[in-house]
N, C-alpha and C. Protein backbone atom coordinates (compact mmCIF):
# COMPACT_ATOMS: atom_id res chain seq x y z
N MET A 1 113.37 92.58 112.82
CA MET A 1 112.19 94.09 113.13
C MET A 1 112.85 94.92 113.45
N LYS A 2 112.91 96.07 112.89
CA LYS A 2 113.82 97.11 113.42
C LYS A 2 113.83 97.80 114.51
N PRO A 3 114.51 98.06 115.49
CA PRO A 3 114.30 98.46 116.87
C PRO A 3 113.44 100.11 116.90
N TYR A 4 112.35 100.26 116.76
CA TYR A 4 111.43 101.45 116.43
C TYR A 4 111.36 102.15 118.05
N LYS A 5 111.25 103.48 118.23
CA LYS A 5 111.40 103.91 119.02
C LYS A 5 109.93 104.81 118.99
N HIS A 6 109.58 105.10 117.57
CA HIS A 6 108.14 106.37 117.69
C HIS A 6 106.97 105.35 117.08
N ILE A 7 105.81 105.28 117.18
CA ILE A 7 105.11 104.75 116.69
C ILE A 7 103.96 105.82 116.42
N PHE A 8 103.81 105.90 115.19
CA PHE A 8 102.65 106.87 114.65
C PHE A 8 101.31 106.24 113.96
N PHE A 9 100.02 106.56 114.63
CA PHE A 9 98.92 106.26 114.08
C PHE A 9 98.38 106.96 113.56
N ASP A 10 97.16 106.88 112.86
CA ASP A 10 96.11 107.32 112.41
C ASP A 10 95.05 107.26 113.25
N LEU A 11 93.82 108.17 113.37
CA LEU A 11 92.82 107.98 114.19
C LEU A 11 91.74 107.29 113.78
N ASP A 12 91.36 107.62 112.89
CA ASP A 12 89.67 107.37 112.42
C ASP A 12 89.86 106.04 111.92
N ARG A 13 89.21 105.04 112.02
CA ARG A 13 88.51 103.75 111.85
C ARG A 13 90.41 103.07 112.03
N THR A 14 91.01 103.42 112.84
CA THR A 14 92.21 102.62 113.04
C THR A 14 92.34 102.35 114.59
N LEU A 15 91.77 103.56 115.68
CA LEU A 15 91.47 103.56 116.99
C LEU A 15 90.42 104.00 117.14
N TRP A 16 89.76 105.10 116.52
CA TRP A 16 88.28 105.38 116.96
C TRP A 16 87.16 104.87 115.59
N ASP A 17 86.44 104.42 116.49
CA ASP A 17 85.40 103.34 115.27
C ASP A 17 84.55 104.75 114.86
N PHE A 18 85.20 104.99 113.55
CA PHE A 18 84.37 106.19 112.89
C PHE A 18 83.02 105.66 112.81
N ASP A 19 82.96 104.55 112.14
CA ASP A 19 81.52 104.15 111.42
C ASP A 19 80.20 104.23 112.47
N ALA A 20 81.36 103.56 113.76
CA ALA A 20 80.00 103.20 114.63
C ALA A 20 78.99 104.37 115.41
N ALA A 21 80.32 105.30 115.76
CA ALA A 21 79.88 106.55 116.27
C ALA A 21 79.10 107.53 115.12
N ALA A 22 79.09 107.34 113.98
CA ALA A 22 78.55 107.62 113.19
C ALA A 22 77.01 107.47 113.09
N GLU A 23 76.87 105.65 113.48
CA GLU A 23 75.67 105.48 113.06
C GLU A 23 74.49 106.18 114.47
N VAL A 24 75.63 106.28 115.67
CA VAL A 24 74.69 106.58 116.64
C VAL A 24 74.32 107.73 116.23
N ALA A 25 75.08 109.27 115.77
CA ALA A 25 74.84 110.46 115.42
C ALA A 25 73.51 110.63 114.40
N PHE A 26 73.82 109.91 113.61
CA PHE A 26 72.54 109.36 112.59
C PHE A 26 71.08 109.59 113.45
N GLU A 27 71.21 108.22 114.04
CA GLU A 27 69.87 108.32 114.90
C GLU A 27 69.48 109.54 115.60
N ARG A 28 70.81 110.45 116.55
CA ARG A 28 70.16 111.48 117.11
C ARG A 28 69.65 112.76 115.97
N ILE A 29 70.37 113.12 114.97
CA ILE A 29 69.92 113.68 114.14
C ILE A 29 68.28 113.68 113.44
N TYR A 30 68.81 112.30 112.99
CA TYR A 30 67.17 112.23 112.64
C TYR A 30 66.21 112.09 113.22
N GLU A 31 66.17 111.98 114.87
CA GLU A 31 65.05 112.10 115.68
C GLU A 31 64.68 113.37 115.75
N LYS A 32 65.47 114.00 116.16
CA LYS A 32 66.06 115.50 116.43
C LYS A 32 65.24 116.55 114.97
N TYR A 33 65.24 116.15 113.99
CA TYR A 33 64.86 117.22 112.65
C TYR A 33 63.51 116.12 112.08
N GLY A 34 63.20 115.58 113.32
CA GLY A 34 61.57 114.89 112.34
C GLY A 34 62.34 114.49 110.87
N LEU A 35 63.13 113.77 110.41
CA LEU A 35 63.25 113.13 109.42
C LEU A 35 62.80 111.98 108.75
N LYS A 36 62.08 111.42 109.52
CA LYS A 36 60.97 110.26 109.29
C LYS A 36 60.12 111.20 108.09
N GLU A 37 58.97 112.02 108.75
CA GLU A 37 57.92 112.77 108.43
C GLU A 37 58.40 113.59 106.99
N LEU A 38 59.85 113.50 106.70
CA LEU A 38 59.85 114.60 105.38
C LEU A 38 60.23 113.16 103.91
N GLY A 39 60.18 112.21 104.58
CA GLY A 39 60.02 110.65 103.81
C GLY A 39 61.50 110.19 103.97
N ILE A 40 62.28 110.11 104.85
CA ILE A 40 63.25 109.59 105.10
C ILE A 40 63.37 108.25 106.16
N PRO A 41 63.30 106.94 105.31
CA PRO A 41 63.02 105.93 106.10
C PRO A 41 63.13 105.62 107.60
N SER A 42 64.63 105.73 107.60
CA SER A 42 65.22 105.45 108.53
C SER A 42 66.69 105.82 108.89
N ALA A 43 67.01 106.38 110.24
CA ALA A 43 68.38 106.95 110.12
C ALA A 43 69.44 106.17 109.38
N HIS A 44 69.41 104.70 109.87
CA HIS A 44 70.36 103.59 109.06
C HIS A 44 70.30 103.94 107.47
N ASP A 45 68.94 104.22 107.00
CA ASP A 45 68.94 104.14 105.09
C ASP A 45 69.40 105.44 105.08
N PHE A 46 69.51 106.34 105.68
CA PHE A 46 70.25 108.05 105.24
C PHE A 46 71.16 108.13 105.12
N HIS A 47 71.91 107.38 106.24
CA HIS A 47 73.23 107.59 106.99
C HIS A 47 73.62 106.27 105.50
N MET A 48 73.56 105.26 105.02
CA MET A 48 73.58 104.50 103.91
C MET A 48 74.03 105.42 102.94
N VAL A 49 73.01 106.35 102.59
CA VAL A 49 72.82 107.25 101.52
C VAL A 49 73.96 107.93 101.34
N TYR A 50 74.49 108.68 102.99
CA TYR A 50 75.47 109.42 102.79
C TYR A 50 76.74 109.22 103.10
N HIS A 51 76.85 107.80 103.25
CA HIS A 51 78.55 107.47 103.51
C HIS A 51 79.06 107.55 102.29
N PRO A 52 78.92 106.89 100.96
CA PRO A 52 79.34 106.74 99.80
C PRO A 52 79.43 108.11 99.46
N LEU A 53 78.57 109.29 99.72
CA LEU A 53 78.53 110.87 98.93
C LEU A 53 80.10 111.70 99.67
N ASN A 54 79.79 111.13 101.05
CA ASN A 54 80.86 111.67 102.22
C ASN A 54 82.41 111.08 101.85
N GLU A 55 82.52 109.54 101.50
CA GLU A 55 83.55 109.50 101.31
C GLU A 55 84.17 109.78 99.70
N GLN A 56 83.41 110.66 98.59
CA GLN A 56 83.88 111.02 97.63
C GLN A 56 84.24 112.42 98.14
N LEU A 57 83.76 112.83 98.67
CA LEU A 57 83.67 114.62 99.32
C LEU A 57 85.14 114.66 100.25
N TRP A 58 85.45 113.33 100.80
CA TRP A 58 86.36 113.50 101.56
C TRP A 58 88.28 113.41 100.38
N GLU A 59 87.71 112.84 99.53
CA GLU A 59 88.88 112.43 98.49
C GLU A 59 89.02 113.43 98.14
N LEU A 60 88.04 114.43 97.60
CA LEU A 60 88.49 116.00 96.84
C LEU A 60 88.80 116.51 97.85
N TYR A 61 88.09 116.67 99.44
CA TYR A 61 89.28 117.49 100.47
C TYR A 61 90.55 117.46 100.47
N ARG A 62 91.06 115.96 100.69
CA ARG A 62 92.23 115.82 100.86
C ARG A 62 93.21 116.03 99.20
N ALA A 63 92.44 116.08 98.10
CA ALA A 63 93.24 116.68 97.08
C ALA A 63 93.19 118.20 96.70
N ASP A 64 92.68 119.28 98.06
CA ASP A 64 92.46 120.36 97.56
C ASP A 64 91.39 120.85 96.89
N LYS A 65 90.88 120.03 96.44
CA LYS A 65 89.55 120.53 95.48
C LYS A 65 87.91 120.96 95.79
N ILE A 66 88.12 120.88 97.45
CA ILE A 66 86.99 121.78 97.80
C ILE A 66 87.45 121.90 99.23
N THR A 67 86.88 122.86 99.89
CA THR A 67 87.38 123.78 101.26
C THR A 67 86.34 122.69 102.39
N LYS A 68 87.12 122.84 103.89
CA LYS A 68 86.26 122.58 104.96
C LYS A 68 84.97 122.70 105.03
N ASP A 69 84.50 124.05 104.86
CA ASP A 69 83.24 124.40 104.73
C ASP A 69 82.07 123.76 103.32
N ASP A 70 82.93 123.85 102.48
CA ASP A 70 82.58 122.88 101.09
C ASP A 70 81.75 121.66 101.84
N LEU A 71 82.71 120.73 102.14
CA LEU A 71 82.75 119.43 102.96
C LEU A 71 81.53 119.41 103.76
N ASN A 72 81.43 120.02 104.52
CA ASN A 72 80.79 120.45 105.83
C ASN A 72 79.09 120.63 105.03
N ARG A 73 78.62 121.56 104.14
CA ARG A 73 77.67 121.73 103.59
C ARG A 73 76.67 121.01 103.08
N THR A 74 78.09 120.14 101.90
CA THR A 74 77.41 119.48 100.83
C THR A 74 77.11 117.88 101.30
N ARG A 75 77.84 117.33 102.07
CA ARG A 75 77.59 116.20 102.88
C ARG A 75 76.31 115.66 103.09
N PHE A 76 75.86 117.08 103.47
CA PHE A 76 74.01 116.71 104.10
C PHE A 76 73.30 116.92 103.17
N LEU A 77 73.61 118.11 102.19
CA LEU A 77 73.03 118.49 101.01
C LEU A 77 72.28 117.31 99.94
N LYS A 78 73.80 116.61 99.72
CA LYS A 78 73.53 115.81 98.41
C LYS A 78 72.40 114.56 99.27
N PRO A 79 72.99 114.36 100.16
CA PRO A 79 71.93 112.90 100.68
C PRO A 79 70.19 113.39 101.20
N LEU A 80 70.08 114.87 101.26
CA LEU A 80 68.78 115.04 101.16
C LEU A 80 68.07 115.27 99.70
N GLU A 81 69.07 115.83 98.76
CA GLU A 81 68.42 115.43 97.63
C GLU A 81 67.96 114.68 97.09
N HIS A 82 69.13 113.59 97.64
CA HIS A 82 68.72 112.09 96.99
C HIS A 82 66.81 111.78 97.30
N TYR A 83 66.43 111.99 98.58
CA TYR A 83 65.20 112.10 98.66
C TYR A 83 64.42 113.50 98.54
N GLY A 84 64.47 113.68 97.30
CA GLY A 84 64.09 115.15 97.10
C GLY A 84 63.76 116.00 98.06
N ILE A 85 64.52 116.27 98.70
CA ILE A 85 64.87 117.65 99.66
C ILE A 85 65.65 118.14 99.25
N HIS A 86 64.85 119.34 99.26
CA HIS A 86 66.05 120.84 98.67
C HIS A 86 66.23 121.93 99.74
N ASP A 87 66.99 121.63 101.16
CA ASP A 87 67.01 122.81 102.23
C ASP A 87 68.29 122.97 102.92
N ILE A 88 68.77 123.87 102.32
CA ILE A 88 70.21 124.49 102.67
C ILE A 88 70.43 124.85 104.23
N GLU A 89 69.18 125.22 104.72
CA GLU A 89 69.48 125.42 106.24
C GLU A 89 69.31 124.27 106.90
N LEU A 90 68.39 123.26 106.53
CA LEU A 90 68.34 121.62 107.11
C LEU A 90 69.96 121.29 107.19
N ALA A 91 70.48 120.92 105.64
CA ALA A 91 71.78 121.03 105.83
C ALA A 91 72.84 121.11 106.14
N ASP A 92 73.00 122.51 106.64
CA ASP A 92 73.78 123.24 107.71
C ASP A 92 73.39 122.65 109.06
N ASN A 93 72.22 122.52 109.08
CA ASN A 93 71.72 122.22 111.02
C ASN A 93 72.13 120.82 111.27
N LEU A 94 71.59 120.01 110.18
CA LEU A 94 72.56 118.41 110.58
C LEU A 94 73.63 118.38 110.16
N SER A 95 74.64 119.13 109.71
CA SER A 95 76.27 119.17 109.28
C SER A 95 76.52 119.70 111.09
N LYS A 96 76.37 120.37 111.38
CA LYS A 96 76.04 121.41 112.81
C LYS A 96 76.41 120.35 113.69
N ASP A 97 75.30 119.28 113.66
CA ASP A 97 74.85 118.92 115.09
C ASP A 97 75.31 117.25 114.85
N TYR A 98 76.07 116.93 113.65
CA TYR A 98 76.90 115.55 113.33
C TYR A 98 78.40 116.15 113.68
N VAL A 99 78.53 117.00 113.95
CA VAL A 99 80.01 117.38 114.38
C VAL A 99 79.80 117.88 115.36
N TYR A 100 78.85 118.23 116.03
CA TYR A 100 78.68 118.36 117.53
C TYR A 100 79.18 116.60 118.02
N TRP A 101 78.32 116.08 117.84
CA TRP A 101 77.64 114.56 118.65
C TRP A 101 78.88 113.51 117.84
N SER A 102 79.50 113.51 116.84
CA SER A 102 80.22 112.16 116.39
C SER A 102 81.20 112.30 117.29
N PRO A 103 82.00 113.25 117.60
CA PRO A 103 83.37 113.12 118.66
C PRO A 103 83.28 112.87 119.70
N ARG A 104 81.68 113.05 120.38
CA ARG A 104 81.34 112.58 121.63
C ARG A 104 80.51 111.43 121.55
N ILE A 105 80.35 110.34 120.78
CA ILE A 105 80.19 109.41 121.06
C ILE A 105 80.79 108.36 120.90
N VAL A 106 81.61 107.99 122.33
CA VAL A 106 82.96 107.21 122.16
C VAL A 106 82.43 105.82 121.77
N ARG A 107 83.34 105.53 120.51
CA ARG A 107 83.14 103.99 120.22
C ARG A 107 84.76 104.02 119.51
N LEU A 108 85.27 102.77 120.16
CA LEU A 108 86.91 102.30 119.59
C LEU A 108 86.67 100.95 119.16
N VAL A 109 87.80 100.91 118.28
CA VAL A 109 88.06 99.77 117.67
C VAL A 109 88.52 98.41 118.51
N PRO A 110 87.95 97.31 118.52
CA PRO A 110 87.75 96.22 119.43
C PRO A 110 89.64 96.29 119.32
N GLY A 111 90.12 96.25 121.14
CA GLY A 111 91.67 96.31 121.43
C GLY A 111 92.25 97.59 121.52
N THR A 112 92.06 98.67 121.30
CA THR A 112 92.58 100.09 121.29
C THR A 112 93.46 99.97 122.74
N MET A 113 92.18 100.06 123.52
CA MET A 113 92.80 100.80 125.04
C MET A 113 94.16 99.33 125.55
N GLU A 114 93.48 97.93 124.89
CA GLU A 114 94.95 97.22 125.62
C GLU A 114 96.12 97.04 124.53
N LEU A 115 95.88 97.67 123.59
CA LEU A 115 96.86 97.75 123.04
C LEU A 115 97.89 99.29 123.10
N LEU A 116 97.36 100.19 123.71
CA LEU A 116 97.72 101.41 123.85
C LEU A 116 98.24 101.14 125.40
N ASP A 117 97.66 100.18 126.13
CA ASP A 117 98.35 100.06 127.40
C ASP A 117 100.25 99.16 126.94
N TYR A 118 99.64 98.21 126.11
CA TYR A 118 101.01 97.77 126.00
C TYR A 118 102.02 98.44 125.59
N LEU A 119 101.48 99.11 124.69
CA LEU A 119 102.67 99.98 124.20
C LEU A 119 103.29 100.94 124.82
N LYS A 120 102.25 101.71 125.12
CA LYS A 120 103.16 102.97 126.20
C LYS A 120 104.16 103.32 126.47
N PRO A 121 104.34 101.88 127.72
CA PRO A 121 105.68 102.29 128.32
C PRO A 121 107.14 101.68 127.66
N LYS A 122 107.06 101.27 126.39
CA LYS A 122 108.10 100.86 125.58
C LYS A 122 108.23 101.63 124.27
N TYR A 123 107.50 102.45 123.98
CA TYR A 123 107.30 103.79 122.75
C TYR A 123 106.96 104.68 122.64
N HIS A 124 107.44 105.85 122.11
CA HIS A 124 106.92 107.11 121.87
C HIS A 124 105.38 107.24 121.14
N LEU A 125 104.38 107.52 121.50
CA LEU A 125 102.93 107.38 120.51
C LEU A 125 103.11 108.60 120.12
N HIS A 126 102.29 108.95 118.57
CA HIS A 126 101.71 110.04 118.43
C HIS A 126 100.84 109.40 117.19
N LEU A 127 99.88 110.79 117.18
CA LEU A 127 99.11 110.54 116.01
C LEU A 127 99.11 111.77 114.93
N ILE A 128 98.74 111.07 113.60
CA ILE A 128 98.94 112.19 112.13
C ILE A 128 97.28 111.75 111.81
N THR A 129 96.74 112.67 111.59
CA THR A 129 95.01 112.69 111.15
C THR A 129 94.89 113.60 110.10
N ASN A 130 93.92 113.33 109.03
CA ASN A 130 93.39 114.44 108.15
C ASN A 130 92.32 115.07 109.00
N GLY A 131 91.76 114.59 109.88
CA GLY A 131 90.31 115.18 110.78
C GLY A 131 90.52 116.35 110.97
N PHE A 132 89.79 117.10 111.26
CA PHE A 132 89.40 118.65 111.59
C PHE A 132 90.23 118.50 113.25
N GLN A 133 90.90 119.52 113.24
CA GLN A 133 91.20 119.90 114.66
C GLN A 133 90.38 119.78 115.66
N GLU A 134 89.62 120.34 116.04
CA GLU A 134 88.65 120.66 117.27
C GLU A 134 88.18 119.24 117.49
N VAL A 135 87.58 118.73 116.26
CA VAL A 135 86.66 117.45 116.29
C VAL A 135 87.55 116.31 117.22
N GLN A 136 88.61 116.48 116.36
CA GLN A 136 89.59 114.84 116.58
C GLN A 136 90.37 115.48 118.18
N HIS A 137 90.63 116.84 118.37
CA HIS A 137 91.03 116.74 119.97
C HIS A 137 89.66 116.34 121.26
N THR A 138 88.55 116.45 120.61
CA THR A 138 87.18 116.26 121.23
C THR A 138 87.24 114.95 121.27
N LYS A 139 87.79 113.64 120.06
CA LYS A 139 87.75 112.75 120.23
C LYS A 139 88.69 111.88 121.60
N LEU A 140 89.53 112.50 121.33
CA LEU A 140 91.01 112.16 122.33
C LEU A 140 90.54 112.53 123.75
N GLY A 141 89.81 113.64 123.83
CA GLY A 141 89.68 114.03 125.55
C GLY A 141 88.72 113.10 126.18
N GLY A 142 87.85 112.99 125.48
CA GLY A 142 86.48 112.10 125.90
C GLY A 142 86.88 110.57 125.83
N SER A 143 87.56 110.08 125.10
CA SER A 143 87.82 108.69 124.91
C SER A 143 88.85 107.97 126.16
N GLY A 144 89.52 109.21 126.65
CA GLY A 144 90.66 108.34 127.44
C GLY A 144 91.66 108.09 126.72
N MET A 145 91.94 108.31 125.65
CA MET A 145 93.21 108.19 124.65
C MET A 145 94.25 109.32 124.89
N GLU A 146 93.92 110.43 125.18
CA GLU A 146 94.63 111.43 125.19
C GLU A 146 96.04 111.41 125.63
N PRO A 147 95.94 110.80 127.45
CA PRO A 147 97.19 111.05 127.95
C PRO A 147 98.36 109.70 127.05
N TYR A 148 97.77 109.12 125.85
CA TYR A 148 98.63 108.18 125.77
C TYR A 148 99.68 108.67 124.98
N PHE A 149 99.29 109.52 123.81
CA PHE A 149 100.18 110.40 122.68
C PHE A 149 101.06 111.31 123.11
N GLU A 150 102.20 111.83 122.76
CA GLU A 150 103.19 112.83 122.90
C GLU A 150 102.73 113.70 122.14
N THR A 151 102.64 113.95 120.46
CA THR A 151 101.97 115.01 119.86
C THR A 151 100.62 114.31 119.11
N LEU A 152 100.11 114.97 118.62
CA LEU A 152 98.89 114.89 117.55
C LEU A 152 99.19 115.94 116.38
N THR A 153 99.02 115.41 115.50
CA THR A 153 99.59 115.93 113.85
C THR A 153 98.56 116.27 113.29
N VAL A 154 97.51 117.09 112.87
CA VAL A 154 96.47 117.26 112.23
C VAL A 154 96.83 118.48 110.85
N SER A 155 95.95 117.93 109.84
CA SER A 155 96.59 118.44 108.63
C SER A 155 96.31 120.19 108.69
N GLU A 156 95.19 120.53 109.04
CA GLU A 156 95.05 121.86 109.22
C GLU A 156 96.05 122.51 109.53
N GLU A 157 96.94 121.97 110.59
CA GLU A 157 97.86 122.93 111.63
C GLU A 157 99.38 123.12 110.31
N VAL A 158 99.11 121.34 109.40
CA VAL A 158 100.38 121.57 108.73
C VAL A 158 100.17 122.53 107.32
N GLY A 159 98.94 122.40 106.78
CA GLY A 159 98.29 122.96 105.47
C GLY A 159 98.23 121.75 104.32
N VAL A 160 99.13 120.61 104.53
CA VAL A 160 98.81 119.60 103.88
C VAL A 160 98.19 118.46 104.54
N LYS A 161 97.82 117.43 103.61
CA LYS A 161 96.71 116.12 104.00
C LYS A 161 97.71 114.98 103.49
N LYS A 162 97.53 113.75 104.67
CA LYS A 162 98.06 112.54 104.28
C LYS A 162 97.12 112.24 102.83
N PRO A 163 97.82 111.65 101.66
CA PRO A 163 99.13 111.07 101.79
C PRO A 163 100.56 111.95 101.32
N ASN A 164 100.40 113.10 101.23
CA ASN A 164 101.60 113.79 100.97
C ASN A 164 102.17 113.83 102.20
N PRO A 165 103.85 113.19 101.72
CA PRO A 165 104.62 112.58 102.76
C PRO A 165 104.95 114.02 103.45
N GLU A 166 104.85 115.67 103.07
CA GLU A 166 105.20 116.81 103.69
C GLU A 166 104.48 116.31 105.43
N ILE A 167 103.35 115.98 105.49
CA ILE A 167 102.18 115.95 106.75
C ILE A 167 103.30 114.52 107.92
N PHE A 168 103.78 113.80 106.97
CA PHE A 168 104.80 113.01 108.30
C PHE A 168 106.21 113.74 108.19
N LEU A 169 106.78 114.22 107.46
CA LEU A 169 108.00 114.72 107.54
C LEU A 169 107.81 115.67 108.89
N PHE A 170 106.44 116.51 109.00
CA PHE A 170 106.39 117.67 109.83
C PHE A 170 106.05 116.93 111.28
N ALA A 171 105.52 115.61 111.09
CA ALA A 171 105.29 114.88 112.66
C ALA A 171 106.00 114.53 113.69
N LEU A 172 107.46 113.82 112.45
CA LEU A 172 108.57 113.34 112.55
C LEU A 172 109.29 114.75 113.30
N LYS A 173 109.72 115.52 112.58
CA LYS A 173 110.15 116.80 113.42
C LYS A 173 109.69 117.16 114.81
N LYS A 174 108.06 117.03 114.59
CA LYS A 174 107.61 117.71 116.05
C LYS A 174 107.73 116.69 117.12
N ALA A 175 107.94 115.37 116.77
CA ALA A 175 108.03 114.45 117.70
C ALA A 175 109.62 114.39 118.08
N GLY A 176 110.48 115.08 117.46
CA GLY A 176 111.95 114.49 117.78
C GLY A 176 112.61 113.56 117.11
N ALA A 177 111.78 112.80 116.21
CA ALA A 177 112.06 111.26 115.64
C ALA A 177 112.55 111.28 114.18
N THR A 178 113.28 110.27 113.90
CA THR A 178 113.70 110.32 112.46
C THR A 178 112.71 109.23 111.99
N ALA A 179 112.90 109.12 110.63
CA ALA A 179 112.34 108.22 109.87
C ALA A 179 112.43 106.75 109.96
N GLN A 180 114.06 106.66 110.34
CA GLN A 180 114.07 105.24 110.47
C GLN A 180 114.08 104.52 112.13
N GLU A 181 113.56 105.31 112.77
CA GLU A 181 113.44 104.68 114.11
C GLU A 181 111.29 104.69 114.07
N SER A 182 110.89 104.97 113.07
CA SER A 182 109.44 105.08 113.41
C SER A 182 108.82 104.08 112.45
N LEU A 183 107.30 103.72 113.04
CA LEU A 183 106.27 103.28 112.14
C LEU A 183 105.33 103.59 112.58
N MET A 184 104.70 103.69 110.85
CA MET A 184 103.00 104.29 111.06
C MET A 184 102.30 102.97 110.88
N ILE A 185 100.85 103.39 111.48
CA ILE A 185 99.68 102.53 111.77
C ILE A 185 98.70 103.01 111.16
N GLY A 186 97.95 102.67 110.23
CA GLY A 186 97.10 102.93 109.47
C GLY A 186 96.30 102.34 108.85
N ASP A 187 94.91 102.57 108.57
CA ASP A 187 93.82 101.56 107.94
C ASP A 187 93.96 102.07 106.56
N GLU A 188 94.10 102.91 106.22
CA GLU A 188 94.02 103.20 104.35
C GLU A 188 95.21 102.88 103.62
N MET A 189 95.44 102.39 102.96
CA MET A 189 96.38 102.32 101.71
C MET A 189 97.61 103.17 101.21
N VAL A 190 96.41 104.39 100.65
CA VAL A 190 96.87 105.15 99.89
C VAL A 190 97.22 106.48 100.92
N VAL A 191 96.52 106.39 101.93
CA VAL A 191 96.69 107.63 102.37
C VAL A 191 97.61 107.92 103.50
N ASP A 192 97.74 106.04 103.97
CA ASP A 192 97.94 106.25 105.38
C ASP A 192 99.43 105.44 105.14
N ILE A 193 99.53 104.05 103.98
CA ILE A 193 100.59 103.34 103.89
C ILE A 193 101.56 103.92 103.09
N ASP A 194 100.83 104.27 101.57
CA ASP A 194 101.74 104.85 100.73
C ASP A 194 102.32 106.64 101.41
N GLY A 195 101.65 106.87 101.93
CA GLY A 195 102.04 108.27 102.35
C GLY A 195 103.33 107.96 103.20
N ALA A 196 103.19 107.26 104.05
CA ALA A 196 104.76 107.26 105.03
C ALA A 196 105.62 106.63 104.16
N ARG A 197 105.40 105.46 103.43
CA ARG A 197 106.18 104.99 102.71
C ARG A 197 107.40 105.93 101.67
N ALA A 198 106.62 106.92 101.10
CA ALA A 198 107.03 108.34 100.61
C ALA A 198 108.04 109.35 101.22
N ALA A 199 107.74 108.90 102.80
CA ALA A 199 108.61 109.84 103.50
C ALA A 199 109.88 109.24 104.63
N GLY A 200 109.75 107.88 103.91
CA GLY A 200 111.14 106.94 104.38
C GLY A 200 110.79 106.13 105.49
N ILE A 201 109.09 106.23 106.05
CA ILE A 201 108.84 105.49 107.21
C ILE A 201 108.31 104.31 107.26
N ASP A 202 108.75 103.12 108.06
CA ASP A 202 107.91 101.55 108.06
C ASP A 202 106.42 101.97 107.87
N GLN A 203 105.77 100.87 107.25
CA GLN A 203 104.60 101.21 107.71
C GLN A 203 103.77 99.63 108.26
N LEU A 204 102.64 100.01 108.88
CA LEU A 204 101.73 98.80 109.42
C LEU A 204 100.43 99.09 108.92
N PHE A 205 100.01 97.87 107.93
CA PHE A 205 98.80 98.44 107.39
C PHE A 205 97.52 97.43 108.22
N PHE A 206 96.64 98.03 108.99
CA PHE A 206 95.45 97.46 109.60
C PHE A 206 94.24 97.25 108.59
N ASN A 207 94.15 95.91 108.78
CA ASN A 207 93.46 95.72 107.57
C ASN A 207 92.18 94.78 107.74
N PRO A 208 91.67 95.25 108.85
CA PRO A 208 90.23 94.36 109.63
C PRO A 208 89.51 93.36 108.61
N SER A 209 89.28 94.37 107.48
CA SER A 209 88.09 93.08 106.37
C SER A 209 89.19 92.48 105.81
N GLY A 210 90.37 92.71 105.71
CA GLY A 210 91.00 91.41 104.28
C GLY A 210 90.98 91.88 103.43
N GLU A 211 90.73 93.13 103.41
CA GLU A 211 90.50 93.46 101.49
C GLU A 211 91.84 93.10 100.81
N LYS A 212 91.76 92.92 99.45
CA LYS A 212 92.82 92.72 98.82
C LYS A 212 93.35 93.90 98.41
N THR A 213 94.27 94.52 98.41
CA THR A 213 95.14 95.80 98.08
C THR A 213 96.49 95.90 97.61
N ILE A 214 96.32 96.96 96.50
CA ILE A 214 97.90 96.63 95.64
C ILE A 214 98.43 98.17 96.32
N GLY A 215 100.33 97.45 96.55
CA GLY A 215 101.22 98.22 97.14
C GLY A 215 101.89 97.56 97.96
N GLU A 216 103.49 98.33 98.51
CA GLU A 216 103.88 97.64 99.70
C GLU A 216 103.59 97.98 100.67
N ARG A 217 103.87 97.02 101.77
CA ARG A 217 103.46 97.64 103.14
C ARG A 217 104.48 96.53 104.18
N THR A 218 105.05 97.29 104.99
CA THR A 218 106.32 96.64 105.92
C THR A 218 105.51 95.29 107.17
N TYR A 219 103.98 95.85 107.20
CA TYR A 219 103.61 94.68 107.87
C TYR A 219 102.42 94.95 107.49
N GLU A 220 101.67 93.70 107.85
CA GLU A 220 99.50 93.82 108.05
C GLU A 220 99.21 92.79 108.43
N VAL A 221 98.44 93.53 109.79
CA VAL A 221 97.52 93.18 110.73
C VAL A 221 95.54 92.77 110.38
N ARG A 222 95.13 92.12 110.73
CA ARG A 222 93.69 92.21 110.84
C ARG A 222 92.78 92.56 111.79
N SER A 223 93.85 92.38 113.09
CA SER A 223 93.31 93.04 114.48
C SER A 223 94.59 94.07 115.06
N LEU A 224 94.23 94.75 115.85
CA LEU A 224 94.84 95.93 116.57
C LEU A 224 95.74 95.06 117.39
N LEU A 225 95.20 93.86 118.16
CA LEU A 225 96.11 93.26 119.11
C LEU A 225 97.02 92.19 118.40
N GLU A 226 96.84 92.00 117.25
CA GLU A 226 98.30 91.45 116.42
C GLU A 226 99.34 92.10 116.62
N ILE A 227 99.21 93.35 116.58
CA ILE A 227 100.16 94.34 117.02
C ILE A 227 101.39 93.81 117.72
N LYS A 228 100.75 93.73 119.23
CA LYS A 228 101.65 93.18 120.24
C LYS A 228 102.80 92.09 119.63
N GLU A 229 102.21 91.04 118.84
CA GLU A 229 103.12 89.98 118.30
C GLU A 229 104.19 90.37 117.21
N ILE A 230 104.07 91.64 116.56
CA ILE A 230 105.24 92.29 116.05
C ILE A 230 105.82 93.30 116.52
N LEU A 231 105.31 94.31 117.64
CA LEU A 231 106.14 95.12 118.81
C LEU A 231 106.24 94.91 120.11
């Protein structure tokens, strides 16, 4: 193993349990806006319709084919239309409430705090994320993770998104680090791992589901606490 000095993390689905927090946020907006009366069977059902559509929109957003505003409006408009509901105002309100609640419902991936406690005395820790700036800051502040990280690089401030190697190079410069002494940890093969490799950074693929993926990676783990055996 290389003598790493700087460890860069992705946030969503690597440390922050994005899907668990989203499930609770959906329960809140489902009740607040009386979606059962509009013909949506349950908050979980609505979330399951929303999820693949949201993933598709995020792919377009990462590719700079839609804007942040497009993403925020469309990701609720399309699921509502699935149930025959055509209401732009409702879609906007759902989006605003979801953006408010989802980063305030603290759900961390198992092992997150134990791993950060283990790494903090040994390495300089940093974050690189494609999430929205105000949302990611809220997550860090409310979860207790903020003191562990020396820098946070958000795609909005850089002007490019992962997997573009430029965001990784920007993060290295911001951290005062070199690629040779750094390691990137993330859960998305293309976005985190391929992007880091293109920037010359070693990669650790966090793969809790054990999915079969194509592509090179320096390390791979199924759980966060396995990282303690590598670092």
